[in-house]
């Protein structure tokens, strides 16, 4: 059993636990199913000099609301602001 992302219209609409067996369950029509733990993602992370948040490539962090561009699931969170001292 693994977590799968259900992608509809380019957006992750659900995350389900499934064994991948299409004999016991069929994904909804016109959806894309991706294994959550191996899906490339882009999430906000602070840069090396800690002056700005940038989209950083990672794997396995996609969740509901992320957009799918065919290569990466990209966070739907707004860009964070770096705190000032």
N, C-alpha and C. Protein backbone atom coordinates (compact mmCIF):
# COMPACT_ATOMS: atom_id res chain seq x y z
N UNK A 1 0.84 -1.17 0.00
CA UNK A 1 0.00 0.00 0.00
C UNK A 1 0.89 1.24 0.00
N UNK A 2 0.47 2.20 -0.80
CA UNK A 2 1.21 3.46 -0.89
C UNK A 2 0.22 4.62 -0.97
N UNK A 3 0.71 5.80 -0.67
CA UNK A 3 -0.10 7.00 -0.89
C UNK A 3 -0.01 7.37 -2.36
N UNK A 4 -1.16 7.64 -2.96
CA UNK A 4 -1.23 8.08 -4.35
C UNK A 4 -1.88 9.45 -4.41
N UNK A 5 -1.36 10.29 -5.30
CA UNK A 5 -1.97 11.58 -5.58
C UNK A 5 -3.00 11.39 -6.68
N UNK A 6 -4.18 11.95 -6.51
CA UNK A 6 -5.16 11.99 -7.59
C UNK A 6 -5.10 13.40 -8.17
N UNK A 7 -4.80 13.49 -9.45
CA UNK A 7 -4.66 14.79 -10.12
C UNK A 7 -5.78 14.93 -11.14
N UNK A 8 -6.53 16.01 -11.00
CA UNK A 8 -7.63 16.32 -11.90
C UNK A 8 -7.46 17.74 -12.41
N UNK A 9 -7.43 17.90 -13.73
CA UNK A 9 -7.31 19.23 -14.31
C UNK A 9 -6.04 19.94 -13.89
N UNK A 10 -4.96 19.20 -13.64
CA UNK A 10 -3.69 19.80 -13.29
C UNK A 10 -3.53 20.16 -11.82
N UNK A 11 -4.47 19.70 -10.98
CA UNK A 11 -4.41 20.00 -9.54
C UNK A 11 -4.55 18.71 -8.75
N UNK A 12 -3.74 18.56 -7.69
CA UNK A 12 -3.89 17.42 -6.79
C UNK A 12 -5.17 17.65 -5.99
N UNK A 13 -6.15 16.76 -6.20
CA UNK A 13 -7.44 16.92 -5.53
C UNK A 13 -7.64 15.98 -4.35
N UNK A 14 -6.78 14.95 -4.27
CA UNK A 14 -6.92 14.01 -3.17
C UNK A 14 -5.65 13.20 -3.02
N UNK A 15 -5.44 12.65 -1.85
CA UNK A 15 -4.36 11.70 -1.59
C UNK A 15 -5.01 10.48 -0.97
N UNK A 16 -4.76 9.30 -1.57
CA UNK A 16 -5.40 8.08 -1.10
C UNK A 16 -4.35 7.01 -0.81
N UNK A 17 -4.72 6.06 0.02
CA UNK A 17 -3.89 4.87 0.24
C UNK A 17 -4.46 3.80 -0.68
N UNK A 18 -3.60 3.21 -1.51
CA UNK A 18 -4.05 2.23 -2.52
C UNK A 18 -2.92 1.26 -2.79
N UNK A 19 -3.28 0.05 -3.14
CA UNK A 19 -2.26 -0.95 -3.47
C UNK A 19 -1.88 -0.94 -4.95
N UNK A 20 -2.52 -0.09 -5.75
CA UNK A 20 -2.20 0.02 -7.17
C UNK A 20 -2.86 -1.03 -8.04
N UNK A 21 -3.67 -1.89 -7.44
CA UNK A 21 -4.32 -2.97 -8.17
C UNK A 21 -5.59 -2.47 -8.84
N UNK A 22 -5.55 -2.33 -10.15
CA UNK A 22 -6.73 -1.84 -10.90
C UNK A 22 -7.81 -2.91 -11.03
N UNK A 23 -7.52 -4.13 -10.58
CA UNK A 23 -8.55 -5.18 -10.58
C UNK A 23 -9.52 -4.99 -9.41
N UNK A 24 -9.05 -4.32 -8.34
CA UNK A 24 -9.91 -4.14 -7.17
C UNK A 24 -10.49 -2.72 -7.08
N UNK A 25 -9.85 -1.76 -7.75
CA UNK A 25 -10.35 -0.38 -7.75
C UNK A 25 -9.81 0.34 -8.97
N UNK A 26 -10.64 1.14 -9.60
CA UNK A 26 -10.25 1.93 -10.76
C UNK A 26 -10.19 3.40 -10.37
N UNK A 27 -9.09 4.09 -10.71
CA UNK A 27 -9.05 5.54 -10.48
C UNK A 27 -10.16 6.22 -11.26
N UNK A 28 -10.61 7.37 -10.78
CA UNK A 28 -11.64 8.10 -11.52
C UNK A 28 -11.18 8.40 -12.96
N UNK A 29 -12.13 8.38 -13.86
CA UNK A 29 -11.83 8.67 -15.27
C UNK A 29 -11.25 10.07 -15.41
N UNK A 30 -10.33 10.23 -16.36
CA UNK A 30 -9.69 11.52 -16.66
C UNK A 30 -8.86 12.07 -15.49
N UNK A 31 -8.29 11.16 -14.69
CA UNK A 31 -7.39 11.59 -13.63
C UNK A 31 -6.01 10.99 -13.88
N UNK A 32 -5.03 11.59 -13.24
CA UNK A 32 -3.67 11.05 -13.23
C UNK A 32 -3.38 10.59 -11.81
N UNK A 33 -2.79 9.41 -11.70
CA UNK A 33 -2.43 8.86 -10.38
C UNK A 33 -0.92 8.79 -10.30
N UNK A 34 -0.35 9.37 -9.25
CA UNK A 34 1.10 9.33 -9.04
C UNK A 34 1.40 8.86 -7.62
N UNK A 35 2.46 8.06 -7.47
CA UNK A 35 2.89 7.64 -6.14
C UNK A 35 3.46 8.86 -5.43
N UNK A 36 2.90 9.21 -4.28
CA UNK A 36 3.28 10.43 -3.58
C UNK A 36 4.77 10.44 -3.24
N UNK A 37 5.32 9.34 -2.77
CA UNK A 37 6.70 9.32 -2.27
C UNK A 37 7.75 9.47 -3.37
N UNK A 38 7.37 9.28 -4.63
CA UNK A 38 8.35 9.38 -5.72
C UNK A 38 8.05 10.52 -6.68
N UNK A 39 7.04 11.32 -6.38
CA UNK A 39 6.67 12.41 -7.28
C UNK A 39 7.57 13.63 -7.06
N UNK A 40 8.20 14.12 -8.14
CA UNK A 40 9.03 15.33 -8.02
C UNK A 40 8.16 16.53 -7.65
N UNK A 41 8.66 17.32 -6.72
CA UNK A 41 7.90 18.48 -6.25
C UNK A 41 8.78 19.73 -6.26
N UNK A 42 8.12 20.87 -6.17
CA UNK A 42 8.80 22.14 -5.95
C UNK A 42 8.11 22.80 -4.76
N UNK A 43 8.89 23.04 -3.71
CA UNK A 43 8.36 23.66 -2.50
C UNK A 43 9.26 24.83 -2.11
N UNK A 44 8.73 25.72 -1.29
CA UNK A 44 9.50 26.87 -0.83
C UNK A 44 10.58 26.44 0.16
N UNK A 45 11.78 26.96 -0.04
CA UNK A 45 12.89 26.75 0.89
C UNK A 45 13.74 28.01 0.87
N UNK A 46 14.34 28.31 1.97
CA UNK A 46 15.15 29.52 2.04
C UNK A 46 16.48 29.28 1.32
N UNK A 47 16.97 30.31 0.62
CA UNK A 47 18.23 30.16 -0.11
C UNK A 47 19.42 30.10 0.85
N UNK A 48 20.60 29.82 0.30
CA UNK A 48 21.80 29.59 1.13
C UNK A 48 22.16 30.78 2.01
N UNK A 49 21.99 31.99 1.49
CA UNK A 49 22.36 33.16 2.31
C UNK A 49 21.19 33.69 3.15
N UNK A 50 20.10 32.94 3.16
CA UNK A 50 18.93 33.22 4.00
C UNK A 50 18.31 34.60 3.75
N UNK A 51 18.31 35.01 2.47
CA UNK A 51 17.74 36.30 2.12
C UNK A 51 16.42 36.20 1.36
N UNK A 52 16.09 35.00 0.89
CA UNK A 52 14.89 34.86 0.06
C UNK A 52 14.45 33.40 0.03
N UNK A 53 13.14 33.20 -0.06
CA UNK A 53 12.61 31.86 -0.29
C UNK A 53 12.55 31.62 -1.80
N UNK A 54 12.95 30.42 -2.22
CA UNK A 54 12.94 30.04 -3.63
C UNK A 54 12.27 28.68 -3.76
N UNK A 55 11.68 28.42 -4.94
CA UNK A 55 11.13 27.10 -5.19
C UNK A 55 12.28 26.13 -5.37
N UNK A 56 12.27 25.08 -4.58
CA UNK A 56 13.35 24.10 -4.57
C UNK A 56 12.79 22.73 -4.94
N UNK A 57 13.53 22.01 -5.78
CA UNK A 57 13.11 20.67 -6.18
C UNK A 57 13.32 19.69 -5.03
N UNK A 58 12.34 18.84 -4.84
CA UNK A 58 12.42 17.77 -3.84
C UNK A 58 11.57 16.61 -4.36
N UNK A 59 11.42 15.60 -3.54
CA UNK A 59 10.62 14.43 -3.93
C UNK A 59 9.72 14.04 -2.77
N UNK A 60 8.46 13.77 -3.10
CA UNK A 60 7.56 13.18 -2.13
C UNK A 60 6.81 14.14 -1.23
N UNK A 61 6.83 15.43 -1.52
CA UNK A 61 6.16 16.40 -0.64
C UNK A 61 4.82 16.91 -1.15
N UNK A 62 4.36 16.39 -2.28
CA UNK A 62 3.10 16.90 -2.86
C UNK A 62 1.92 16.59 -1.96
N UNK A 63 0.94 17.49 -2.01
CA UNK A 63 -0.26 17.32 -1.22
C UNK A 63 -1.44 17.96 -1.95
N UNK A 64 -2.61 17.87 -1.36
CA UNK A 64 -3.81 18.43 -1.97
C UNK A 64 -3.60 19.92 -2.23
N UNK A 65 -3.98 20.36 -3.43
CA UNK A 65 -3.86 21.76 -3.81
C UNK A 65 -2.64 22.06 -4.64
N UNK A 66 -1.63 21.20 -4.61
CA UNK A 66 -0.46 21.41 -5.46
C UNK A 66 -0.89 21.33 -6.92
N UNK A 67 -0.21 22.07 -7.78
CA UNK A 67 -0.49 21.99 -9.22
C UNK A 67 0.50 21.03 -9.87
N UNK A 68 0.06 20.36 -10.91
CA UNK A 68 0.88 19.40 -11.64
C UNK A 68 1.14 19.96 -13.04
N UNK A 69 2.43 20.15 -13.38
CA UNK A 69 2.76 20.69 -14.71
C UNK A 69 3.25 19.62 -15.67
N UNK A 70 3.11 18.36 -15.30
CA UNK A 70 3.57 17.26 -16.13
C UNK A 70 4.94 16.75 -15.74
N UNK A 71 5.65 17.53 -14.93
CA UNK A 71 6.98 17.12 -14.47
C UNK A 71 7.12 17.28 -12.96
N UNK A 72 6.48 18.31 -12.40
CA UNK A 72 6.59 18.61 -10.97
C UNK A 72 5.22 18.92 -10.39
N UNK A 73 5.03 18.51 -9.13
CA UNK A 73 3.90 18.99 -8.35
C UNK A 73 4.41 20.22 -7.60
N UNK A 74 3.77 21.37 -7.84
CA UNK A 74 4.28 22.65 -7.34
C UNK A 74 3.35 23.15 -6.23
N UNK A 75 3.97 23.57 -5.12
CA UNK A 75 3.21 24.02 -3.96
C UNK A 75 2.19 25.10 -4.33
N UNK A 76 1.11 25.11 -3.59
CA UNK A 76 0.09 26.15 -3.75
C UNK A 76 0.21 27.21 -2.66
N UNK A 77 1.21 27.08 -1.80
CA UNK A 77 1.42 28.04 -0.73
C UNK A 77 2.02 29.33 -1.29
N UNK A 78 1.62 30.48 -0.77
CA UNK A 78 2.25 31.73 -1.22
C UNK A 78 3.71 31.77 -0.79
N UNK A 79 4.49 32.54 -1.50
CA UNK A 79 5.91 32.66 -1.18
C UNK A 79 6.07 33.26 0.21
N UNK A 80 6.80 32.58 1.09
CA UNK A 80 7.01 33.12 2.45
C UNK A 80 7.88 34.37 2.43
N UNK A 81 7.74 35.17 3.46
CA UNK A 81 8.56 36.36 3.62
C UNK A 81 9.66 36.03 4.64
N UNK A 82 10.87 36.44 4.33
CA UNK A 82 11.99 36.23 5.25
C UNK A 82 11.82 37.17 6.43
N UNK A 83 11.84 36.63 7.64
CA UNK A 83 11.71 37.51 8.81
C UNK A 83 12.93 38.44 8.93
N UNK A 84 12.67 39.64 9.38
CA UNK A 84 13.77 40.59 9.59
C UNK A 84 14.04 40.69 11.09
N UNK A 85 15.29 40.99 11.39
CA UNK A 85 15.68 41.04 12.81
C UNK A 85 15.21 42.31 13.46
